[in-house]
Amino acid sequence: MYSWIWRTLPGGLPGKLLGSLVLVVLAVLLLFTVAFPALEPLLPFSDVTVDQAPTSG
């Protein structure tokens, strides 16, 4: 898959590097704006399993 992307990107080495950088930035942006917010309610971050130890006075 990566070789197909590399062959498909236009330009020489500078164009391919810039195109690869743009694709990575778009993928990260898509993850942080769409995927992670959609999956956040399904994750158990609010389920705390550690109880506070009783203090002896």
PDB file of N, CA and C in Angstrom:
ATOM      1  N   MET A   1       0.824  -1.181   0.000  1.00  0.00           N
ATOM      2  CA  MET A   1       0.000   0.000   0.000  1.00  0.00           C
ATOM      3  C   MET A   1       0.868   1.244   0.000  1.00  0.00           C
ATOM      4  N   TYR A   2       1.913   1.255   0.839  1.00  0.00           N
ATOM      5  CA  TYR A   2       2.761   2.434   0.912  1.00  0.00           C
ATOM      6  C   TYR A   2       3.516   2.648  -0.392  1.00  0.00           C
ATOM      7  N   SER A   3       3.926   1.574  -1.034  1.00  0.00           N
ATOM      8  CA  SER A   3       4.622   1.735  -2.308  1.00  0.00           C
ATOM      9  C   SER A   3       3.668   2.274  -3.372  1.00  0.00           C
ATOM     10  N   TRP A   4       2.395   1.877  -3.330  1.00  0.00           N
ATOM     11  CA  TRP A   4       1.422   2.409  -4.274  1.00  0.00           C
ATOM     12  C   TRP A   4       1.234   3.904  -4.057  1.00  0.00           C
ATOM     13  N   ILE A   5       1.125   4.333  -2.797  1.00  0.00           N
ATOM     14  CA  ILE A   5       0.991   5.760  -2.495  1.00  0.00           C
ATOM     15  C   ILE A   5       2.224   6.508  -2.986  1.00  0.00           C
ATOM     16  N   TRP A   6       3.415   5.954  -2.733  1.00  0.00           N
ATOM     17  CA  TRP A   6       4.658   6.620  -3.131  1.00  0.00           C
ATOM     18  C   TRP A   6       4.733   6.755  -4.653  1.00  0.00           C
ATOM     19  N   ARG A   7       4.324   5.710  -5.382  1.00  0.00           N
ATOM     20  CA  ARG A   7       4.357   5.775  -6.847  1.00  0.00           C
ATOM     21  C   ARG A   7       3.301   6.720  -7.388  1.00  0.00           C
ATOM     22  N   THR A   8       2.167   6.854  -6.685  1.00  0.00           N
ATOM     23  CA  THR A   8       1.060   7.668  -7.167  1.00  0.00           C
ATOM     24  C   THR A   8       1.289   9.158  -6.932  1.00  0.00           C
ATOM     25  N   LEU A   9       2.024   9.517  -5.898  1.00  0.00           N
ATOM     26  CA  LEU A   9       2.256  10.929  -5.606  1.00  0.00           C
ATOM     27  C   LEU A   9       3.037  11.585  -6.742  1.00  0.00           C
ATOM     28  N   PRO A  10       2.639  12.814  -7.125  1.00  0.00           N
ATOM     29  CA  PRO A  10       3.308  13.472  -8.244  1.00  0.00           C
ATOM     30  C   PRO A  10       4.632  14.106  -7.811  1.00  0.00           C
ATOM     31  N   GLY A  11       5.450  14.436  -8.799  1.00  0.00           N
ATOM     32  CA  GLY A  11       6.686  15.159  -8.549  1.00  0.00           C
ATOM     33  C   GLY A  11       7.840  14.236  -8.243  1.00  0.00           C
ATOM     34  N   GLY A  12       8.989  14.819  -8.145  1.00  0.00           N
ATOM     35  CA  GLY A  12      10.182  14.062  -7.788  1.00  0.00           C
ATOM     36  C   GLY A  12      10.213  13.813  -6.292  1.00  0.00           C
ATOM     37  N   LEU A  13      11.399  13.655  -5.769  1.00  0.00           N
ATOM     38  CA  LEU A  13      11.546  13.380  -4.340  1.00  0.00           C
ATOM     39  C   LEU A  13      10.971  14.490  -3.471  1.00  0.00           C
ATOM     40  N   PRO A  14      11.232  15.790  -3.764  1.00  0.00           N
ATOM     41  CA  PRO A  14      10.628  16.841  -2.919  1.00  0.00           C
ATOM     42  C   PRO A  14       9.099  16.823  -2.953  1.00  0.00           C
ATOM     43  N   GLY A  15       8.525  16.598  -4.122  1.00  0.00           N
ATOM     44  CA  GLY A  15       7.066  16.549  -4.235  1.00  0.00           C
ATOM     45  C   GLY A  15       6.476  15.361  -3.493  1.00  0.00           C
ATOM     46  N   LYS A  16       7.158  14.234  -3.565  1.00  0.00           N
ATOM     47  CA  LYS A  16       6.680  13.043  -2.866  1.00  0.00           C
ATOM     48  C   LYS A  16       6.790  13.210  -1.354  1.00  0.00           C
ATOM     49  N   LEU A  17       7.858  13.829  -0.894  1.00  0.00           N
ATOM     50  CA  LEU A  17       8.005  14.068   0.546  1.00  0.00           C
ATOM     51  C   LEU A  17       6.942  15.040   1.044  1.00  0.00           C
ATOM     52  N   LEU A  18       6.695  16.105   0.294  1.00  0.00           N
ATOM     53  CA  LEU A  18       5.667  17.070   0.684  1.00  0.00           C
ATOM     54  C   LEU A  18       4.278  16.430   0.642  1.00  0.00           C
ATOM     55  N   GLY A  19       4.022  15.646  -0.392  1.00  0.00           N
ATOM     56  CA  GLY A  19       2.734  14.956  -0.482  1.00  0.00           C
ATOM     57  C   GLY A  19       2.534  13.968   0.652  1.00  0.00           C
ATOM     58  N   SER A  20       3.603  13.260   1.020  1.00  0.00           N
ATOM     59  CA  SER A  20       3.518  12.322   2.140  1.00  0.00           C
ATOM     60  C   SER A  20       3.235  13.062   3.440  1.00  0.00           C
ATOM     61  N   LEU A  21       3.885  14.189   3.638  1.00  0.00           N
ATOM     62  CA  LEU A  21       3.657  14.990   4.842  1.00  0.00           C
ATOM     63  C   LEU A  21       2.219  15.478   4.905  1.00  0.00           C
ATOM     64  N   VAL A  22       1.698  15.918   3.786  1.00  0.00           N
ATOM     65  CA  VAL A  22       0.301  16.376   3.746  1.00  0.00           C
ATOM     66  C   VAL A  22      -0.642  15.228   4.069  1.00  0.00           C
ATOM     67  N   LEU A  23      -0.392  14.045   3.536  1.00  0.00           N
ATOM     68  CA  LEU A  23      -1.253  12.891   3.821  1.00  0.00           C
ATOM     69  C   LEU A  23      -1.210  12.506   5.295  1.00  0.00           C
ATOM     70  N   VAL A  24      -0.044  12.549   5.907  1.00  0.00           N
ATOM     71  CA  VAL A  24       0.077  12.217   7.330  1.00  0.00           C
ATOM     72  C   VAL A  24      -0.660  13.245   8.178  1.00  0.00           C
ATOM     73  N   VAL A  25      -0.507  14.527   7.843  1.00  0.00           N
ATOM     74  CA  VAL A  25      -1.200  15.580   8.601  1.00  0.00           C
ATOM     75  C   VAL A  25      -2.712  15.427   8.462  1.00  0.00           C
ATOM     76  N   LEU A  26      -3.180  15.125   7.269  1.00  0.00           N
ATOM     77  CA  LEU A  26      -4.626  14.923   7.080  1.00  0.00           C
ATOM     78  C   LEU A  26      -5.139  13.715   7.850  1.00  0.00           C
ATOM     79  N   ALA A  27      -4.362  12.642   7.891  1.00  0.00           N
ATOM     80  CA  ALA A  27      -4.777  11.457   8.632  1.00  0.00           C
ATOM     81  C   ALA A  27      -4.864  11.751  10.124  1.00  0.00           C
ATOM     82  N   VAL A  28      -3.880  12.457  10.670  1.00  0.00           N
ATOM     83  CA  VAL A  28      -3.891  12.803  12.093  1.00  0.00           C
ATOM     84  C   VAL A  28      -5.050  13.741  12.397  1.00  0.00           C
ATOM     85  N   LEU A  29      -5.281  14.719  11.531  1.00  0.00           N
ATOM     86  CA  LEU A  29      -6.399  15.648  11.720  1.00  0.00           C
ATOM     87  C   LEU A  29      -7.734  14.910  11.700  1.00  0.00           C
ATOM     88  N   LEU A  30      -7.881  13.968  10.796  1.00  0.00           N
ATOM     89  CA  LEU A  30      -9.114  13.180  10.733  1.00  0.00           C
ATOM     90  C   LEU A  30      -9.309  12.341  11.991  1.00  0.00           C
ATOM     91  N   LEU A  31      -8.231  11.769  12.500  1.00  0.00           N
ATOM     92  CA  LEU A  31      -8.335  10.983  13.730  1.00  0.00           C
ATOM     93  C   LEU A  31      -8.752  11.846  14.914  1.00  0.00           C
ATOM     94  N   PHE A  32      -8.109  12.999  15.077  1.00  0.00           N
ATOM     95  CA  PHE A  32      -8.382  13.830  16.244  1.00  0.00           C
ATOM     96  C   PHE A  32      -9.712  14.568  16.167  1.00  0.00           C
ATOM     97  N   THR A  33     -10.231  14.822  14.973  1.00  0.00           N
ATOM     98  CA  THR A  33     -11.489  15.564  14.869  1.00  0.00           C
ATOM     99  C   THR A  33     -12.711  14.674  14.671  1.00  0.00           C
ATOM    100  N   VAL A  34     -12.523  13.456  14.154  1.00  0.00           N
ATOM    101  CA  VAL A  34     -13.677  12.599  13.862  1.00  0.00           C
ATOM    102  C   VAL A  34     -13.621  11.294  14.656  1.00  0.00           C
ATOM    103  N   ALA A  35     -12.554  10.543  14.497  1.00  0.00           N
ATOM    104  CA  ALA A  35     -12.510   9.187  15.046  1.00  0.00           C
ATOM    105  C   ALA A  35     -12.431   9.180  16.568  1.00  0.00           C
ATOM    106  N   PHE A  36     -11.476   9.906  17.138  1.00  0.00           N
ATOM    107  CA  PHE A  36     -11.318   9.873  18.596  1.00  0.00           C
ATOM    108  C   PHE A  36     -12.525  10.445  19.334  1.00  0.00           C
ATOM    109  N   PRO A  37     -13.113  11.571  18.910  1.00  0.00           N
ATOM    110  CA  PRO A  37     -14.328  12.029  19.601  1.00  0.00           C
ATOM    111  C   PRO A  37     -15.500  11.052  19.476  1.00  0.00           C
ATOM    112  N   ALA A  38     -15.585  10.334  18.372  1.00  0.00           N
ATOM    113  CA  ALA A  38     -16.679   9.371  18.213  1.00  0.00           C
ATOM    114  C   ALA A  38     -16.476   8.152  19.114  1.00  0.00           C
ATOM    115  N   LEU A  39     -15.234   7.767  19.356  1.00  0.00           N
ATOM    116  CA  LEU A  39     -14.949   6.591  20.170  1.00  0.00           C
ATOM    117  C   LEU A  39     -14.823   6.901  21.653  1.00  0.00           C
ATOM    118  N   GLU A  40     -14.661   8.145  22.019  1.00  0.00           N
ATOM    119  CA  GLU A  40     -14.435   8.524  23.419  1.00  0.00           C
ATOM    120  C   GLU A  40     -15.543   8.063  24.360  1.00  0.00           C
ATOM    121  N   PRO A  41     -16.820   8.152  24.020  1.00  0.00           N
ATOM    122  CA  PRO A  41     -17.854   7.668  24.950  1.00  0.00           C
ATOM    123  C   PRO A  41     -17.775   6.163  25.214  1.00  0.00           C
ATOM    124  N   LEU A  42     -17.158   5.418  24.332  1.00  0.00           N
ATOM    125  CA  LEU A  42     -17.075   3.969  24.489  1.00  0.00           C
ATOM    126  C   LEU A  42     -15.896   3.544  25.361  1.00  0.00           C
ATOM    127  N   LEU A  43     -14.991   4.452  25.661  1.00  0.00           N
ATOM    128  CA  LEU A  43     -13.797   4.105  26.437  1.00  0.00           C
ATOM    129  C   LEU A  43     -14.073   4.256  27.930  1.00  0.00           C
ATOM    130  N   PRO A  44     -13.488   3.396  28.743  1.00  0.00           N
ATOM    131  CA  PRO A  44     -13.801   3.386  30.181  1.00  0.00           C
ATOM    132  C   PRO A  44     -12.936   4.336  31.014  1.00  0.00           C
ATOM    133  N   PHE A  45     -12.715   5.571  30.550  1.00  0.00           N
ATOM    134  CA  PHE A  45     -11.865   6.486  31.300  1.00  0.00           C
ATOM    135  C   PHE A  45     -12.511   6.968  32.592  1.00  0.00           C
ATOM    136  N   SER A  46     -13.834   6.974  32.660  1.00  0.00           N
ATOM    137  CA  SER A  46     -14.499   7.454  33.872  1.00  0.00           C
ATOM    138  C   SER A  46     -14.787   6.324  34.860  1.00  0.00           C
ATOM    139  N   ASP A  47     -14.464   5.083  34.507  1.00  0.00           N
ATOM    140  CA  ASP A  47     -14.662   3.954  35.410  1.00  0.00           C
ATOM    141  C   ASP A  47     -13.417   3.771  36.281  1.00  0.00           C
ATOM    142  N   VAL A  48     -13.418   4.415  37.425  1.00  0.00           N
ATOM    143  CA  VAL A  48     -12.274   4.335  38.305  1.00  0.00           C
ATOM    144  C   VAL A  48     -12.379   3.080  39.141  1.00  0.00           C
ATOM    145  N   THR A  49     -11.320   2.298  39.183  1.00  0.00           N
ATOM    146  CA  THR A  49     -11.363   1.043  39.936  1.00  0.00           C
ATOM    147  C   THR A  49     -10.501   1.092  41.184  1.00  0.00           C
ATOM    148  N   VAL A  50      -9.807   2.174  41.411  1.00  0.00           N
ATOM    149  CA  VAL A  50      -8.946   2.298  42.582  1.00  0.00           C
ATOM    150  C   VAL A  50      -9.714   3.059  43.658  1.00  0.00           C
ATOM    151  N   ASP A  51      -9.902   2.426  44.808  1.00  0.00           N
ATOM    152  CA  ASP A  51     -10.585   3.088  45.923  1.00  0.00           C
ATOM    153  C   ASP A  51      -9.556   3.812  46.790  1.00  0.00           C
ATOM    154  N   GLN A  52     -10.059   4.833  47.474  1.00  0.00           N
ATOM    155  CA  GLN A  52      -9.171   5.552  48.382  1.00  0.00           C
ATOM    156  C   GLN A  52      -8.985   4.720  49.648  1.00  0.00           C
ATOM    157  N   ALA A  53      -7.737   4.546  50.036  1.00  0.00           N
ATOM    158  CA  ALA A  53      -7.444   3.741  51.230  1.00  0.00           C
ATOM    159  C   ALA A  53      -7.902   4.492  52.485  1.00  0.00           C
ATOM    160  N   PRO A  54      -8.495   3.768  53.419  1.00  0.00           N
ATOM    161  CA  PRO A  54      -8.921   4.433  54.654  1.00  0.00           C
ATOM    162  C   PRO A  54      -7.703   4.887  55.466  1.00  0.00           C
ATOM    163  N   THR A  55      -7.840   6.064  56.035  1.00  0.00           N
ATOM    164  CA  THR A  55      -6.727   6.599  56.855  1.00  0.00           C
ATOM    165  C   THR A  55      -6.948   6.229  58.310  1.00  0.00           C
ATOM    166  N   SER A  56      -5.885   5.792  58.955  1.00  0.00           N
ATOM    167  CA  SER A  56      -5.998   5.486  60.377  1.00  0.00           C
ATOM    168  C   SER A  56      -5.418   6.664  61.157  1.00  0.00           C
ATOM    169  N   GLY A  57      -6.149   7.133  62.123  1.00  0.00           N
ATOM    170  CA  GLY A  57      -5.817   8.364  62.806  1.00  0.00           C
ATOM    171  C   GLY A  57      -5.030   8.170  63.999  1.00  0.00           C
TER     172      GLY A  57
END
